[in-house]
Amino acid sequence: METSLISAKGQVVIPVRLRKKYGFEPGKKIAFFEENGCIVLRLIDESFFSQYAGMLKETAPTKEEYQAWKEEEIEKEEQKLT
């Protein structure tokens, strides 16, 4: 087990062995999760996003679909004001 101190700013140093093992390099982003009463750090990389693949709509709306939705929303807001 390795330990680290929490700074006054809430910063923690990840031990070198763990940074090398998991590819934590300066400038890379990590995600924080709570799991079973523990804090879990996960490197945000391609594998991070692939686990969520399929959860979102496969394609973004077309420009025309977005414009139609926007016009509907504007119309609804205008009806509220009258």
PDB file of N, CA and C in Angstrom:
ATOM      1  N   MET A   1       0.845  -1.176   0.000  1.00  0.00           N
ATOM      2  CA  MET A   1       0.000   0.000   0.000  1.00  0.00           C
ATOM      3  C   MET A   1       0.887   1.235   0.000  1.00  0.00           C
ATOM      4  N   GLU A   2       0.523   2.183  -0.837  1.00  0.00           N
ATOM      5  CA  GLU A   2       1.252   3.441  -0.903  1.00  0.00           C
ATOM      6  C   GLU A   2       0.345   4.545  -0.392  1.00  0.00           C
ATOM      7  N   THR A   3       0.938   5.588   0.165  1.00  0.00           N
ATOM      8  CA  THR A   3       0.142   6.678   0.715  1.00  0.00           C
ATOM      9  C   THR A   3       0.585   8.009   0.133  1.00  0.00           C
ATOM     10  N   SER A   4      -0.274   8.993   0.287  1.00  0.00           N
ATOM     11  CA  SER A   4       0.008  10.343  -0.179  1.00  0.00           C
ATOM     12  C   SER A   4      -0.741  11.301   0.733  1.00  0.00           C
ATOM     13  N   LEU A   5      -0.260  12.527   0.837  1.00  0.00           N
ATOM     14  CA  LEU A   5      -0.930  13.539   1.644  1.00  0.00           C
ATOM     15  C   LEU A   5      -1.842  14.394   0.769  1.00  0.00           C
ATOM     16  N   ILE A   6      -2.907  14.879   1.351  1.00  0.00           N
ATOM     17  CA  ILE A   6      -3.802  15.798   0.657  1.00  0.00           C
ATOM     18  C   ILE A   6      -3.346  17.210   0.994  1.00  0.00           C
ATOM     19  N   SER A   7      -3.099  18.027  -0.033  1.00  0.00           N
ATOM     20  CA  SER A   7      -2.644  19.401   0.189  1.00  0.00           C
ATOM     21  C   SER A   7      -3.809  20.279   0.640  1.00  0.00           C
ATOM     22  N   ALA A   8      -3.490  21.494   1.038  1.00  0.00           N
ATOM     23  CA  ALA A   8      -4.520  22.447   1.448  1.00  0.00           C
ATOM     24  C   ALA A   8      -5.489  22.744   0.306  1.00  0.00           C
ATOM     25  N   LYS A   9      -5.031  22.584  -0.933  1.00  0.00           N
ATOM     26  CA  LYS A   9      -5.880  22.808  -2.110  1.00  0.00           C
ATOM     27  C   LYS A   9      -6.641  21.547  -2.525  1.00  0.00           C
ATOM     28  N   GLY A  10      -6.484  20.460  -1.775  1.00  0.00           N
ATOM     29  CA  GLY A  10      -7.167  19.214  -2.107  1.00  0.00           C
ATOM     30  C   GLY A  10      -6.424  18.373  -3.128  1.00  0.00           C
ATOM     31  N   GLN A  11      -5.167  18.712  -3.407  1.00  0.00           N
ATOM     32  CA  GLN A  11      -4.383  17.978  -4.397  1.00  0.00           C
ATOM     33  C   GLN A  11      -3.730  16.754  -3.759  1.00  0.00           C
ATOM     34  N   VAL A  12      -3.614  15.696  -4.553  1.00  0.00           N
ATOM     35  CA  VAL A  12      -3.001  14.451  -4.107  1.00  0.00           C
ATOM     36  C   VAL A  12      -1.980  14.028  -5.150  1.00  0.00           C
ATOM     37  N   VAL A  13      -0.827  13.541  -4.696  1.00  0.00           N
ATOM     38  CA  VAL A  13       0.186  13.034  -5.618  1.00  0.00           C
ATOM     39  C   VAL A  13      -0.059  11.543  -5.813  1.00  0.00           C
ATOM     40  N   ILE A  14      -0.197  11.128  -7.067  1.00  0.00           N
ATOM     41  CA  ILE A  14      -0.358   9.707  -7.377  1.00  0.00           C
ATOM     42  C   ILE A  14       1.041   9.108  -7.425  1.00  0.00           C
ATOM     43  N   PRO A  15       1.301   8.046  -6.672  1.00  0.00           N
ATOM     44  CA  PRO A  15       2.640   7.452  -6.647  1.00  0.00           C
ATOM     45  C   PRO A  15       3.141   7.088  -8.051  1.00  0.00           C
ATOM     46  N   VAL A  16       4.446   7.262  -8.260  1.00  0.00           N
ATOM     47  CA  VAL A  16       5.082   7.029  -9.565  1.00  0.00           C
ATOM     48  C   VAL A  16       4.746   5.649 -10.113  1.00  0.00           C
ATOM     49  N   ARG A  17       4.845   4.621  -9.287  1.00  0.00           N
ATOM     50  CA  ARG A  17       4.593   3.252  -9.749  1.00  0.00           C
ATOM     51  C   ARG A  17       3.192   3.135 -10.347  1.00  0.00           C
ATOM     52  N   LEU A  18       2.214   3.736  -9.700  1.00  0.00           N
ATOM     53  CA  LEU A  18       0.837   3.658 -10.199  1.00  0.00           C
ATOM     54  C   LEU A  18       0.638   4.522 -11.441  1.00  0.00           C
ATOM     55  N   ARG A  19       1.273   5.694 -11.478  1.00  0.00           N
ATOM     56  CA  ARG A  19       1.174   6.546 -12.679  1.00  0.00           C
ATOM     57  C   ARG A  19       1.717   5.809 -13.893  1.00  0.00           C
ATOM     58  N   LYS A  20       2.872   5.152 -13.726  1.00  0.00           N
ATOM     59  CA  LYS A  20       3.473   4.416 -14.852  1.00  0.00           C
ATOM     60  C   LYS A  20       2.615   3.220 -15.242  1.00  0.00           C
ATOM     61  N   LYS A  21       2.158   2.482 -14.255  1.00  0.00           N
ATOM     62  CA  LYS A  21       1.376   1.275 -14.519  1.00  0.00           C
ATOM     63  C   LYS A  21       0.085   1.578 -15.281  1.00  0.00           C
ATOM     64  N   TYR A  22      -0.581   2.689 -14.933  1.00  0.00           N
ATOM     65  CA  TYR A  22      -1.875   3.000 -15.527  1.00  0.00           C
ATOM     66  C   TYR A  22      -1.827   4.105 -16.573  1.00  0.00           C
ATOM     67  N   GLY A  23      -0.630   4.588 -16.889  1.00  0.00           N
ATOM     68  CA  GLY A  23      -0.482   5.565 -17.968  1.00  0.00           C
ATOM     69  C   GLY A  23      -0.941   6.969 -17.619  1.00  0.00           C
ATOM     70  N   PHE A  24      -0.912   7.320 -16.340  1.00  0.00           N
ATOM     71  CA  PHE A  24      -1.277   8.677 -15.929  1.00  0.00           C
ATOM     72  C   PHE A  24      -0.103   9.592 -16.228  1.00  0.00           C
ATOM     73  N   GLU A  25      -0.255  10.440 -17.221  1.00  0.00           N
ATOM     74  CA  GLU A  25       0.813  11.351 -17.634  1.00  0.00           C
ATOM     75  C   GLU A  25       0.325  12.787 -17.502  1.00  0.00           C
ATOM     76  N   PRO A  26       1.260  13.737 -17.358  1.00  0.00           N
ATOM     77  CA  PRO A  26       0.860  15.145 -17.251  1.00  0.00           C
ATOM     78  C   PRO A  26      -0.030  15.559 -18.426  1.00  0.00           C
ATOM     79  N   GLY A  27      -1.096  16.273 -18.115  1.00  0.00           N
ATOM     80  CA  GLY A  27      -2.002  16.756 -19.150  1.00  0.00           C
ATOM     81  C   GLY A  27      -3.152  15.824 -19.473  1.00  0.00           C
ATOM     82  N   LYS A  28      -3.066  14.559 -19.061  1.00  0.00           N
ATOM     83  CA  LYS A  28      -4.174  13.630 -19.321  1.00  0.00           C
ATOM     84  C   LYS A  28      -5.263  13.860 -18.293  1.00  0.00           C
ATOM     85  N   LYS A  29      -6.490  13.565 -18.685  1.00  0.00           N
ATOM     86  CA  LYS A  29      -7.626  13.759 -17.786  1.00  0.00           C
ATOM     87  C   LYS A  29      -8.003  12.446 -17.119  1.00  0.00           C
ATOM     88  N   ILE A  30      -8.494  12.574 -15.886  1.00  0.00           N
ATOM     89  CA  ILE A  30      -8.986  11.410 -15.169  1.00  0.00           C
ATOM     90  C   ILE A  30     -10.394  11.705 -14.667  1.00  0.00           C
ATOM     91  N   ALA A  31     -11.155  10.651 -14.500  1.00  0.00           N
ATOM     92  CA  ALA A  31     -12.514  10.760 -13.971  1.00  0.00           C
ATOM     93  C   ALA A  31     -12.514  10.197 -12.556  1.00  0.00           C
ATOM     94  N   PHE A  32     -13.372  10.742 -11.715  1.00  0.00           N
ATOM     95  CA  PHE A  32     -13.508  10.280 -10.343  1.00  0.00           C
ATOM     96  C   PHE A  32     -14.892   9.677 -10.169  1.00  0.00           C
ATOM     97  N   PHE A  33     -14.951   8.499  -9.558  1.00  0.00           N
ATOM     98  CA  PHE A  33     -16.210   7.822  -9.286  1.00  0.00           C
ATOM     99  C   PHE A  33     -16.246   7.428  -7.822  1.00  0.00           C
ATOM    100  N   GLU A  34     -17.438   7.314  -7.286  1.00  0.00           N
ATOM    101  CA  GLU A  34     -17.616   6.715  -5.967  1.00  0.00           C
ATOM    102  C   GLU A  34     -18.165   5.316  -6.203  1.00  0.00           C
ATOM    103  N   GLU A  35     -17.535   4.335  -5.581  1.00  0.00           N
ATOM    104  CA  GLU A  35     -17.959   2.957  -5.777  1.00  0.00           C
ATOM    105  C   GLU A  35     -17.742   2.173  -4.491  1.00  0.00           C
ATOM    106  N   ASN A  36     -18.802   1.638  -3.938  1.00  0.00           N
ATOM    107  CA  ASN A  36     -18.729   0.844  -2.710  1.00  0.00           C
ATOM    108  C   ASN A  36     -17.954   1.547  -1.602  1.00  0.00           C
ATOM    109  N   GLY A  37     -18.211   2.829  -1.415  1.00  0.00           N
ATOM    110  CA  GLY A  37     -17.563   3.582  -0.353  1.00  0.00           C
ATOM    111  C   GLY A  37     -16.126   3.975  -0.631  1.00  0.00           C
ATOM    112  N   CYS A  38     -15.680   3.823  -1.869  1.00  0.00           N
ATOM    113  CA  CYS A  38     -14.304   4.172  -2.244  1.00  0.00           C
ATOM    114  C   CYS A  38     -14.320   5.195  -3.377  1.00  0.00           C
ATOM    115  N   ILE A  39     -13.230   5.927  -3.504  1.00  0.00           N
ATOM    116  CA  ILE A  39     -13.060   6.839  -4.633  1.00  0.00           C
ATOM    117  C   ILE A  39     -12.224   6.109  -5.673  1.00  0.00           C
ATOM    118  N   VAL A  40     -12.716   6.068  -6.899  1.00  0.00           N
ATOM    119  CA  VAL A  40     -12.027   5.379  -7.991  1.00  0.00           C
ATOM    120  C   VAL A  40     -11.582   6.420  -9.012  1.00  0.00           C
ATOM    121  N   LEU A  41     -10.320   6.342  -9.441  1.00  0.00           N
ATOM    122  CA  LEU A  41      -9.797   7.215 -10.488  1.00  0.00           C
ATOM    123  C   LEU A  41      -9.698   6.402 -11.759  1.00  0.00           C
ATOM    124  N   ARG A  42     -10.128   6.988 -12.871  1.00  0.00           N
ATOM    125  CA  ARG A  42     -10.073   6.278 -14.151  1.00  0.00           C
ATOM    126  C   ARG A  42      -9.556   7.223 -15.215  1.00  0.00           C
ATOM    127  N   LEU A  43      -8.544   6.790 -15.949  1.00  0.00           N
ATOM    128  CA  LEU A  43      -7.994   7.576 -17.044  1.00  0.00           C
ATOM    129  C   LEU A  43      -9.059   7.719 -18.125  1.00  0.00           C
ATOM    130  N   ILE A  44      -9.259   8.928 -18.606  1.00  0.00           N
ATOM    131  CA  ILE A  44     -10.234   9.160 -19.672  1.00  0.00           C
ATOM    132  C   ILE A  44      -9.509   8.972 -20.999  1.00  0.00           C
ATOM    133  N   ASP A  45      -9.761   7.832 -21.645  1.00  0.00           N
ATOM    134  CA  ASP A  45      -9.146   7.513 -22.931  1.00  0.00           C
ATOM    135  C   ASP A  45     -10.203   6.839 -23.806  1.00  0.00           C
ATOM    136  N   GLU A  46      -9.789   6.264 -24.906  1.00  0.00           N
ATOM    137  CA  GLU A  46     -10.745   5.630 -25.826  1.00  0.00           C
ATOM    138  C   GLU A  46     -11.560   4.538 -25.140  1.00  0.00           C
ATOM    139  N   SER A  47     -10.934   3.724 -24.293  1.00  0.00           N
ATOM    140  CA  SER A  47     -11.671   2.643 -23.641  1.00  0.00           C
ATOM    141  C   SER A  47     -12.720   3.191 -22.677  1.00  0.00           C
ATOM    142  N   PHE A  48     -12.453   4.347 -22.104  1.00  0.00           N
ATOM    143  CA  PHE A  48     -13.415   4.986 -21.202  1.00  0.00           C
ATOM    144  C   PHE A  48     -14.698   5.299 -21.963  1.00  0.00           C
ATOM    145  N   PHE A  49     -14.561   5.875 -23.156  1.00  0.00           N
ATOM    146  CA  PHE A  49     -15.734   6.251 -23.938  1.00  0.00           C
ATOM    147  C   PHE A  49     -16.411   5.046 -24.580  1.00  0.00           C
ATOM    148  N   SER A  50     -15.646   4.019 -24.927  1.00  0.00           N
ATOM    149  CA  SER A  50     -16.244   2.864 -25.600  1.00  0.00           C
ATOM    150  C   SER A  50     -17.216   2.122 -24.691  1.00  0.00           C
ATOM    151  N   GLN A  51     -17.013   2.199 -23.381  1.00  0.00           N
ATOM    152  CA  GLN A  51     -17.945   1.507 -22.483  1.00  0.00           C
ATOM    153  C   GLN A  51     -19.321   2.163 -22.472  1.00  0.00           C
ATOM    154  N   TYR A  52     -19.387   3.414 -22.929  1.00  0.00           N
ATOM    155  CA  TYR A  52     -20.666   4.115 -22.990  1.00  0.00           C
ATOM    156  C   TYR A  52     -21.246   4.140 -24.404  1.00  0.00           C
ATOM    157  N   ALA A  53     -20.581   3.509 -25.333  1.00  0.00           N
ATOM    158  CA  ALA A  53     -21.051   3.490 -26.720  1.00  0.00           C
ATOM    159  C   ALA A  53     -22.441   2.864 -26.781  1.00  0.00           C
ATOM    160  N   GLY A  54     -23.296   3.460 -27.565  1.00  0.00           N
ATOM    161  CA  GLY A  54     -24.641   2.942 -27.732  1.00  0.00           C
ATOM    162  C   GLY A  54     -25.652   3.508 -26.755  1.00  0.00           C
ATOM    163  N   MET A  55     -25.181   4.202 -25.730  1.00  0.00           N
ATOM    164  CA  MET A  55     -26.107   4.775 -24.754  1.00  0.00           C
ATOM    165  C   MET A  55     -26.784   6.029 -25.302  1.00  0.00           C
ATOM    166  N   LEU A  56     -26.102   6.707 -26.194  1.00  0.00           N
ATOM    167  CA  LEU A  56     -26.648   7.925 -26.771  1.00  0.00           C
ATOM    168  C   LEU A  56     -27.268   7.628 -28.127  1.00  0.00           C
ATOM    169  N   LYS A  57     -28.071   8.539 -28.601  1.00  0.00           N
ATOM    170  CA  LYS A  57     -28.653   8.414 -29.926  1.00  0.00           C
ATOM    171  C   LYS A  57     -27.507   8.268 -30.927  1.00  0.00           C
ATOM    172  N   GLU A  58     -27.664   7.365 -31.887  1.00  0.00           N
ATOM    173  CA  GLU A  58     -26.567   7.067 -32.806  1.00  0.00           C
ATOM    174  C   GLU A  58     -26.127   8.258 -33.641  1.00  0.00           C
ATOM    175  N   THR A  59     -27.067   9.078 -34.064  1.00  0.00           N
ATOM    176  CA  THR A  59     -26.682  10.219 -34.888  1.00  0.00           C
ATOM    177  C   THR A  59     -27.267  11.495 -34.310  1.00  0.00           C
ATOM    178  N   ALA A  60     -26.581  12.559 -34.534  1.00  0.00           N
ATOM    179  CA  ALA A  60     -27.081  13.866 -34.110  1.00  0.00           C
ATOM    180  C   ALA A  60     -28.194  14.286 -35.056  1.00  0.00           C
ATOM    181  N   PRO A  61     -29.091  15.143 -34.579  1.00  0.00           N
ATOM    182  CA  PRO A  61     -30.153  15.599 -35.480  1.00  0.00           C
ATOM    183  C   PRO A  61     -29.565  16.393 -36.647  1.00  0.00           C
ATOM    184  N   THR A  62     -30.238  16.314 -37.773  1.00  0.00           N
ATOM    185  CA  THR A  62     -29.784  17.091 -38.930  1.00  0.00           C
ATOM    186  C   THR A  62     -30.057  18.565 -38.659  1.00  0.00           C
ATOM    187  N   LYS A  63     -29.485  19.408 -39.491  1.00  0.00           N
ATOM    188  CA  LYS A  63     -29.694  20.845 -39.352  1.00  0.00           C
ATOM    189  C   LYS A  63     -31.182  21.166 -39.475  1.00  0.00           C
ATOM    190  N   GLU A  64     -31.853  20.492 -40.392  1.00  0.00           N
ATOM    191  CA  GLU A  64     -33.276  20.724 -40.612  1.00  0.00           C
ATOM    192  C   GLU A  64     -34.097  20.283 -39.397  1.00  0.00           C
ATOM    193  N   GLU A  65     -33.758  19.114 -38.835  1.00  0.00           N
ATOM    194  CA  GLU A  65     -34.468  18.630 -37.650  1.00  0.00           C
ATOM    195  C   GLU A  65     -34.272  19.582 -36.476  1.00  0.00           C
ATOM    196  N   TYR A  66     -33.050  20.056 -36.312  1.00  0.00           N
ATOM    197  CA  TYR A  66     -32.762  20.995 -35.225  1.00  0.00           C
ATOM    198  C   TYR A  66     -33.541  22.292 -35.418  1.00  0.00           C
ATOM    199  N   GLN A  67     -33.545  22.802 -36.640  1.00  0.00           N
ATOM    200  CA  GLN A  67     -34.258  24.052 -36.932  1.00  0.00           C
ATOM    201  C   GLN A  67     -35.752  23.892 -36.657  1.00  0.00           C
ATOM    202  N   ALA A  68     -36.331  22.754 -37.060  1.00  0.00           N
ATOM    203  CA  ALA A  68     -37.755  22.506 -36.818  1.00  0.00           C
ATOM    204  C   ALA A  68     -38.037  22.452 -35.321  1.00  0.00           C
ATOM    205  N   TRP A  69     -37.180  21.775 -34.570  1.00  0.00           N
ATOM    206  CA  TRP A  69     -37.348  21.705 -33.116  1.00  0.00           C
ATOM    207  C   TRP A  69     -37.256  23.097 -32.495  1.00  0.00           C
ATOM    208  N   LYS A  70     -36.269  23.865 -32.950  1.00  0.00           N
ATOM    209  CA  LYS A  70     -36.066  25.217 -32.420  1.00  0.00           C
ATOM    210  C   LYS A  70     -37.296  26.089 -32.681  1.00  0.00           C
ATOM    211  N   GLU A  71     -37.845  26.000 -33.891  1.00  0.00           N
ATOM    212  CA  GLU A  71     -39.037  26.780 -34.237  1.00  0.00           C
ATOM    213  C   GLU A  71     -40.229  26.380 -33.368  1.00  0.00           C
ATOM    214  N   GLU A  72     -40.375  25.078 -33.103  1.00  0.00           N
ATOM    215  CA  GLU A  72     -41.457  24.603 -32.236  1.00  0.00           C
ATOM    216  C   GLU A  72     -41.306  25.173 -30.828  1.00  0.00           C
ATOM    217  N   GLU A  73     -40.088  25.173 -30.316  1.00  0.00           N
ATOM    218  CA  GLU A  73     -39.839  25.694 -28.972  1.00  0.00           C
ATOM    219  C   GLU A  73     -40.127  27.190 -28.898  1.00  0.00           C
ATOM    220  N   ILE A  74     -39.728  27.928 -29.912  1.00  0.00           N
ATOM    221  CA  ILE A  74     -39.998  29.372 -29.950  1.00  0.00           C
ATOM    222  C   ILE A  74     -41.503  29.615 -29.974  1.00  0.00           C
ATOM    223  N   GLU A  75     -42.207  28.829 -30.781  1.00  0.00           N
ATOM    224  CA  GLU A  75     -43.663  28.970 -30.877  1.00  0.00           C
ATOM    225  C   GLU A  75     -44.324  28.682 -29.530  1.00  0.00           C
ATOM    226  N   LYS A  76     -43.871  27.645 -28.830  1.00  0.00           N
ATOM    227  CA  LYS A  76     -44.417  27.320 -27.507  1.00  0.00           C
ATOM    228  C   LYS A  76     -44.197  28.476 -26.534  1.00  0.00           C
ATOM    229  N   GLU A  77     -43.010  29.052 -26.560  1.00  0.00           N
ATOM    230  CA  GLU A  77     -42.696  30.174 -25.665  1.00  0.00           C
ATOM    231  C   GLU A  77     -43.554  31.392 -25.992  1.00  0.00           C
ATOM    232  N   GLU A  78     -43.753  31.652 -27.274  1.00  0.00           N
ATOM    233  CA  GLU A  78     -44.585  32.789 -27.688  1.00  0.00           C
ATOM    234  C   GLU A  78     -46.029  32.595 -27.240  1.00  0.00           C
ATOM    235  N   GLN A  79     -46.524  31.350 -27.304  1.00  0.00           N
ATOM    236  CA  GLN A  79     -47.891  31.063 -26.871  1.00  0.00           C
ATOM    237  C   GLN A  79     -48.048  31.289 -25.372  1.00  0.00           C
ATOM    238  N   LYS A  80     -47.009  31.022 -24.610  1.00  0.00           N
ATOM    239  CA  LYS A  80     -47.057  31.250 -23.165  1.00  0.00           C
ATOM    240  C   LYS A  80     -47.176  32.737 -22.853  1.00  0.00           C
ATOM    241  N   LEU A  81     -46.580  33.572 -23.690  1.00  0.00           N
ATOM    242  CA  LEU A  81     -46.564  35.011 -23.452  1.00  0.00           C
ATOM    243  C   LEU A  81     -47.855  35.699 -23.876  1.00  0.00           C
ATOM    244  N   THR A  82     -48.661  35.022 -24.694  1.00  0.00           N
ATOM    245  CA  THR A  82     -49.903  35.658 -25.172  1.00  0.00           C
ATOM    246  C   THR A  82     -51.111  35.177 -24.408  1.00  0.00           C
TER     247      THR A  82
END
